[in-house]
C-alpha atoms as a PDB file:
ATOM      1  CA  MET A   1     -58.965  18.474  30.657  1.00  0.00           C
ATOM      2  CA  THR A   2     -61.643  21.423  30.008  1.00  0.00           C
ATOM      3  CA  PHE A   3     -60.981  25.269  30.214  1.00  0.00           C
ATOM      4  CA  ARG A   4     -63.339  27.995  30.996  1.00  0.00           C
ATOM      5  CA  ASP A   5     -63.084  31.373  30.448  1.00  0.00           C
ATOM      6  CA  PHE A   6     -59.611  31.581  28.644  1.00  0.00           C
ATOM      7  CA  PRO A   7     -58.244  34.304  26.953  1.00  0.00           C
ATOM      8  CA  LYS A   8     -60.039  34.682  23.094  1.00  0.00           C
ATOM      9  CA  GLU A   9     -56.882  35.356  21.400  1.00  0.00           C
ATOM     10  CA  ALA A  10     -55.126  32.252  23.019  1.00  0.00           C
ATOM     11  CA  LYS A  11     -54.728  29.698  20.334  1.00  0.00           C
ATOM     12  CA  ARG A  12     -51.942  27.224  21.992  1.00  0.00           C
ATOM     13  CA  VAL A  13     -51.687  26.237  25.746  1.00  0.00           C
ATOM     14  CA  SER A  14     -48.289  25.057  27.563  1.00  0.00           C
ATOM     15  CA  LEU A  15     -49.203  22.782  30.093  1.00  0.00           C
ATOM     16  CA  VAL A  16     -46.478  21.997  32.742  1.00  0.00           C
ATOM     17  CA  LEU A  17     -47.184  19.412  35.950  1.00  0.00           C
ATOM     18  CA  THR A  18     -44.847  19.483  38.531  1.00  0.00           C
ATOM     19  CA  MET A  19     -44.661  18.544  42.429  1.00  0.00           C
ATOM     20  CA  GLY A  20     -42.458  20.439  44.222  1.00  0.00           C
ATOM     21  CA  SER A  21     -39.606  21.506  42.522  1.00  0.00           C
ATOM     22  CA  GLN A  22     -40.152  18.442  40.326  1.00  0.00           C
ATOM     23  CA  GLU A  23     -41.225  19.038  36.491  1.00  0.00           C
ATOM     24  CA  LYS A  24     -43.273  15.922  35.659  1.00  0.00           C
ATOM     25  CA  GLY A  25     -44.147  16.874  31.959  1.00  0.00           C
ATOM     26  CA  GLY A  26     -46.176  18.624  30.385  1.00  0.00           C
ATOM     27  CA  GLN A  27     -46.277  20.153  26.716  1.00  0.00           C
ATOM     28  CA  GLU A  28     -47.836  23.152  24.126  1.00  0.00           C
ATOM     29  CA  VAL A  29     -50.410  22.008  22.477  1.00  0.00           C
ATOM     30  CA  PRO A  30     -53.157  23.383  20.298  1.00  0.00           C
ATOM     31  CA  LEU A  31     -56.186  25.093  22.168  1.00  0.00           C
ATOM     32  CA  PRO A  32     -59.371  24.011  20.882  1.00  0.00           C
ATOM     33  CA  SER A  33     -61.822  26.810  20.679  1.00  0.00           C
ATOM     34  CA  THR A  34     -64.452  24.781  22.845  1.00  0.00           C
ATOM     35  CA  GLY A  35     -61.604  25.051  25.827  1.00  0.00           C
ATOM     36  CA  GLU A  36     -61.833  20.820  26.100  1.00  0.00           C
ATOM     37  CA  LEU A  37     -58.756  19.011  25.127  1.00  0.00           C
ATOM     38  CA  PRO A  38     -59.152  15.293  24.278  1.00  0.00           C
ATOM     39  CA  GLU A  39     -57.588  12.599  26.787  1.00  0.00           C
ATOM     40  CA  GLY A  40     -53.806  11.383  25.638  1.00  0.00           C
ATOM     41  CA  ALA A  41     -53.144  15.600  24.717  1.00  0.00           C
ATOM     42  CA  VAL A  42     -50.652  16.146  26.729  1.00  0.00           C
ATOM     43  CA  MET A  43     -47.988  13.412  28.338  1.00  0.00           C
ATOM     44  CA  THR A  44     -46.746  13.405  31.564  1.00  0.00           C
ATOM     45  CA  PHE A  45     -45.308  11.049  34.340  1.00  0.00           C
ATOM     46  CA  GLY A  46     -47.743  11.651  36.761  1.00  0.00           C
ATOM     47  CA  PRO A  47     -49.445  11.484  39.361  1.00  0.00           C
ATOM     48  CA  CYS A  48     -47.968   8.536  40.955  1.00  0.00           C
ATOM     49  CA  ASN A  49     -46.736   9.475  44.560  1.00  0.00           C
ATOM     50  CA  PRO A  50     -48.881  10.830  47.127  1.00  0.00           C
ATOM     51  CA  GLY A  51     -48.802  14.665  47.384  1.00  0.00           C
ATOM     52  CA  VAL A  52     -50.006  17.876  46.012  1.00  0.00           C
ATOM     53  CA  TYR A  53     -49.653  18.095  41.980  1.00  0.00           C
ATOM     54  CA  VAL A  54     -49.822  21.357  40.596  1.00  0.00           C
ATOM     55  CA  TRP A  55     -50.941  22.370  36.630  1.00  0.00           C
ATOM     56  CA  THR A  56     -49.827  25.269  35.261  1.00  0.00           C
ATOM     57  CA  ALA A  57     -51.219  26.310  31.877  1.00  0.00           C
ATOM     58  CA  THR A  58     -49.908  29.468  29.824  1.00  0.00           C
ATOM     59  CA  PHE A  59     -51.876  30.400  27.522  1.00  0.00           C
ATOM     60  CA  LYS A  60     -50.700  31.785  23.765  1.00  0.00           C
ATOM     61  CA  SER A  61     -51.902  33.800  20.903  1.00  0.00           C
ATOM     62  CA  ALA A  62     -51.153  32.747  17.323  1.00  0.00           C
ATOM     63  CA  ASP A  63     -48.100  34.825  17.241  1.00  0.00           C
ATOM     64  CA  GLY A  64     -46.807  33.411  20.224  1.00  0.00           C
ATOM     65  CA  LYS A  65     -47.463  35.703  22.975  1.00  0.00           C
ATOM     66  CA  THR A  66     -48.623  35.017  26.186  1.00  0.00           C
ATOM     67  CA  VAL A  67     -52.154  36.057  26.888  1.00  0.00           C
ATOM     68  CA  GLY A  68     -52.790  34.628  30.168  1.00  0.00           C
ATOM     69  CA  VAL A  69     -51.914  31.769  32.897  1.00  0.00           C
ATOM     70  CA  ALA A  70     -53.536  29.536  34.971  1.00  0.00           C
ATOM     71  CA  ARG A  71     -52.467  27.338  37.663  1.00  0.00           C
ATOM     72  CA  VAL A  72     -54.274  24.881  39.656  1.00  0.00           C
ATOM     73  CA  GLU A  73     -53.319  22.252  42.851  1.00  0.00           C
ATOM     74  CA  LYS A  74     -54.691  19.036  43.629  1.00  0.00           C
ATOM     75  CA  PRO A  75     -53.613  16.657  45.701  1.00  0.00           C
ATOM     76  CA  TYR A  76     -53.292  12.599  44.672  1.00  0.00           C
ATOM     77  CA  PRO A  77     -55.101  10.466  45.886  1.00  0.00           C
END
């Protein structure tokens, strides 16, 4: 997963994957300065069933304050 144009002060990103009202996993991880998370950095339980999945990324500063939020919807398959 690669992030572009994220806040410069962001040091961590909290990622959550949902389908409808069901949370499919996610976690908070360090955000590399390149914005590119390595494969396997975030664990989820999906996508499995056909539908629209939503990634929500909450960017946080070094002191834990939210400095930005992004959301992406993707149909599967």
